C-alpha atoms as a PDB file:
ATOM      1  CA  MET A   1       3.918  -3.889 -15.984  1.00  0.00           C
ATOM      2  CA  ALA A   2       1.065  -0.970 -15.591  1.00  0.00           C
ATOM      3  CA  SER A   3      -1.122  -3.445 -18.207  1.00  0.00           C
ATOM      4  CA  ALA A   4      -4.457  -4.073 -16.387  1.00  0.00           C
ATOM      5  CA  GLU A   5      -4.046  -7.506 -18.592  1.00  0.00           C
ATOM      6  CA  TRP A   6      -0.782  -8.585 -17.328  1.00  0.00           C
ATOM      7  CA  TYR A   7      -2.450  -8.185 -13.195  1.00  0.00           C
ATOM      8  CA  ALA A   8      -5.212  -9.570 -14.535  1.00  0.00           C
ATOM      9  CA  GLY A   9      -2.719 -13.056 -15.889  1.00  0.00           C
ATOM     10  CA  LEU A  10      -1.194 -13.301 -12.150  1.00  0.00           C
ATOM     11  CA  PRO A  11      -2.461 -16.134  -9.930  1.00  0.00           C
ATOM     12  CA  ALA A  12      -4.494 -15.652  -6.846  1.00  0.00           C
ATOM     13  CA  LEU A  13      -2.470 -14.728  -3.285  1.00  0.00           C
ATOM     14  CA  THR A  14      -3.016 -17.497  -0.767  1.00  0.00           C
ATOM     15  CA  VAL A  15      -0.914 -15.841   2.082  1.00  0.00           C
ATOM     16  CA  PRO A  16      -2.574 -13.783   4.229  1.00  0.00           C
ATOM     17  CA  TYR A  17      -1.308  -9.709   3.204  1.00  0.00           C
ATOM     18  CA  THR A  18      -1.156  -6.510   3.884  1.00  0.00           C
ATOM     19  CA  VAL A  19      -1.490  -3.287   1.997  1.00  0.00           C
ATOM     20  CA  ILE A  20       0.546  -0.451   3.122  1.00  0.00           C
ATOM     21  CA  ALA A  21      -0.196   2.982   1.047  1.00  0.00           C
ATOM     22  CA  GLY A  22       1.082   6.451   1.228  1.00  0.00           C
ATOM     23  CA  THR A  23      -0.572   9.743   0.776  1.00  0.00           C
ATOM     24  CA  ARG A  24       2.265  12.268   0.884  1.00  0.00           C
ATOM     25  CA  GLY A  25       2.292  13.045  -3.027  1.00  0.00           C
ATOM     26  CA  PRO A  26       0.497  15.832  -4.430  1.00  0.00           C
ATOM     27  CA  THR A  27      -3.355  16.135  -4.965  1.00  0.00           C
ATOM     28  CA  VAL A  28      -4.274  18.982  -6.599  1.00  0.00           C
ATOM     29  CA  ARG A  29      -5.739  19.478  -9.863  1.00  0.00           C
ATOM     30  CA  LEU A  30      -2.471  19.353 -12.785  1.00  0.00           C
ATOM     31  CA  SER A  31      -0.925  16.229 -11.375  1.00  0.00           C
ATOM     32  CA  PRO A  32      -0.315  13.200 -13.068  1.00  0.00           C
ATOM     33  CA  PHE A  33      -3.105  11.898  -9.530  1.00  0.00           C
ATOM     34  CA  GLY A  34      -5.869  14.924  -9.543  1.00  0.00           C
ATOM     35  CA  ARG A  35      -6.698  15.067  -6.752  1.00  0.00           C
ATOM     36  CA  GLU A  36      -6.709  10.596  -5.882  1.00  0.00           C
ATOM     37  CA  PRO A  37      -4.590  10.136  -2.844  1.00  0.00           C
ATOM     38  CA  ASN A  38      -0.856   9.354  -3.522  1.00  0.00           C
ATOM     39  CA  ASP A  39       2.826   8.430  -2.493  1.00  0.00           C
ATOM     40  CA  GLY A  40       3.889  10.433  -5.306  1.00  0.00           C
ATOM     41  CA  LEU A  41       4.864   6.883  -7.482  1.00  0.00           C
ATOM     42  CA  ILE A  42       1.131   5.024  -6.970  1.00  0.00           C
ATOM     43  CA  ALA A  43      -2.064   6.202  -6.009  1.00  0.00           C
ATOM     44  CA  VAL A  44      -3.542   4.456  -3.318  1.00  0.00           C
ATOM     45  CA  HIS A  45      -6.353   2.758  -5.743  1.00  0.00           C
ATOM     46  CA  GLU A  46      -3.527   0.889  -7.639  1.00  0.00           C
ATOM     47  CA  THR A  47      -1.984  -0.882  -4.441  1.00  0.00           C
ATOM     48  CA  ARG A  48      -5.597  -2.871  -4.554  1.00  0.00           C
ATOM     49  CA  VAL A  49      -4.497  -6.364  -4.966  1.00  0.00           C
ATOM     50  CA  ARG A  50      -8.255  -7.096  -5.330  1.00  0.00           C
ATOM     51  CA  ASP A  51     -11.837  -5.266  -5.193  1.00  0.00           C
ATOM     52  CA  GLY A  52     -12.346  -4.494  -1.551  1.00  0.00           C
ATOM     53  CA  ASP A  53      -9.064  -4.975  -0.136  1.00  0.00           C
ATOM     54  CA  GLU A  54      -8.244  -2.820   2.787  1.00  0.00           C
ATOM     55  CA  VAL A  55      -5.251  -0.446   2.477  1.00  0.00           C
ATOM     56  CA  LEU A  56      -3.856   1.050   5.826  1.00  0.00           C
ATOM     57  CA  THR A  57      -2.331   4.877   4.637  1.00  0.00           C
ATOM     58  CA  PHE A  58       0.458   7.562   6.152  1.00  0.00           C
ATOM     59  CA  PRO A  59       0.575  10.200   5.261  1.00  0.00           C
ATOM     60  CA  VAL A  60       4.260   9.925   3.669  1.00  0.00           C
ATOM     61  CA  LEU A  61       6.146   9.606  -0.215  1.00  0.00           C
ATOM     62  CA  HIS A  62       7.268   6.741  -1.600  1.00  0.00           C
ATOM     63  CA  THR A  63      10.693   6.588  -1.686  1.00  0.00           C
ATOM     64  CA  TYR A  64      10.206   7.245   2.849  1.00  0.00           C
ATOM     65  CA  ILE A  65       7.510   4.347   3.569  1.00  0.00           C
ATOM     66  CA  MET A  66       9.864   1.973   4.598  1.00  0.00           C
ATOM     67  CA  ASP A  67      11.452   4.293   6.107  1.00  0.00           C
ATOM     68  CA  ASP A  68       8.373   5.564   8.356  1.00  0.00           C
ATOM     69  CA  ALA A  69       8.485   4.573  12.283  1.00  0.00           C
ATOM     70  CA  ARG A  70       4.381   4.476  11.987  1.00  0.00           C
ATOM     71  CA  VAL A  71       4.856   2.185   9.425  1.00  0.00           C
ATOM     72  CA  ARG A  72       7.250   0.253  10.914  1.00  0.00           C
ATOM     73  CA  ALA A  73       5.400  -0.610  13.841  1.00  0.00           C
ATOM     74  CA  VAL A  74       3.017  -1.999  11.536  1.00  0.00           C
ATOM     75  CA  ILE A  75       4.909  -4.808   9.640  1.00  0.00           C
ATOM     76  CA  ARG A  76       6.497  -5.270  13.908  1.00  0.00           C
ATOM     77  CA  GLY A  77       3.138  -5.751  14.783  1.00  0.00           C
ATOM     78  CA  LEU A  78       2.266  -7.928  12.102  1.00  0.00           C
ATOM     79  CA  LEU A  79       5.195  -9.721  11.907  1.00  0.00           C
ATOM     80  CA  THR A  80       5.014 -10.839  15.904  1.00  0.00           C
ATOM     81  CA  PRO A  81       3.838 -13.414  16.718  1.00  0.00           C
ATOM     82  CA  SER A  82       0.708 -13.248  19.260  1.00  0.00           C
ATOM     83  CA  GLY A  83       1.983 -14.424  22.628  1.00  0.00           C
ATOM     84  CA  PRO A  84       4.100 -18.074  24.280  1.00  0.00           C
ATOM     85  CA  LYS A  85       2.255 -21.099  22.779  1.00  0.00           C
ATOM     86  CA  ALA A  86       1.815 -23.631  24.869  1.00  0.00           C
END
């Protein structure tokens, strides 16, 4: 899965999506990510599906993204219908 060719072979998404990434990982010179924002496992730039994707970032580690109240609020907002249908 770390192969750029493998990702390039995937079909394009045809549904709306939101990219969420953590930024609480180390950003020191000697870390595997250097000074790039990351969640301790994945760099923010690696989360984009397409060039130009907007990434929502939160100061959490990879393991705890799903438990973060701010992330959950964003997801609930995306999944909640925008009001009653006429």
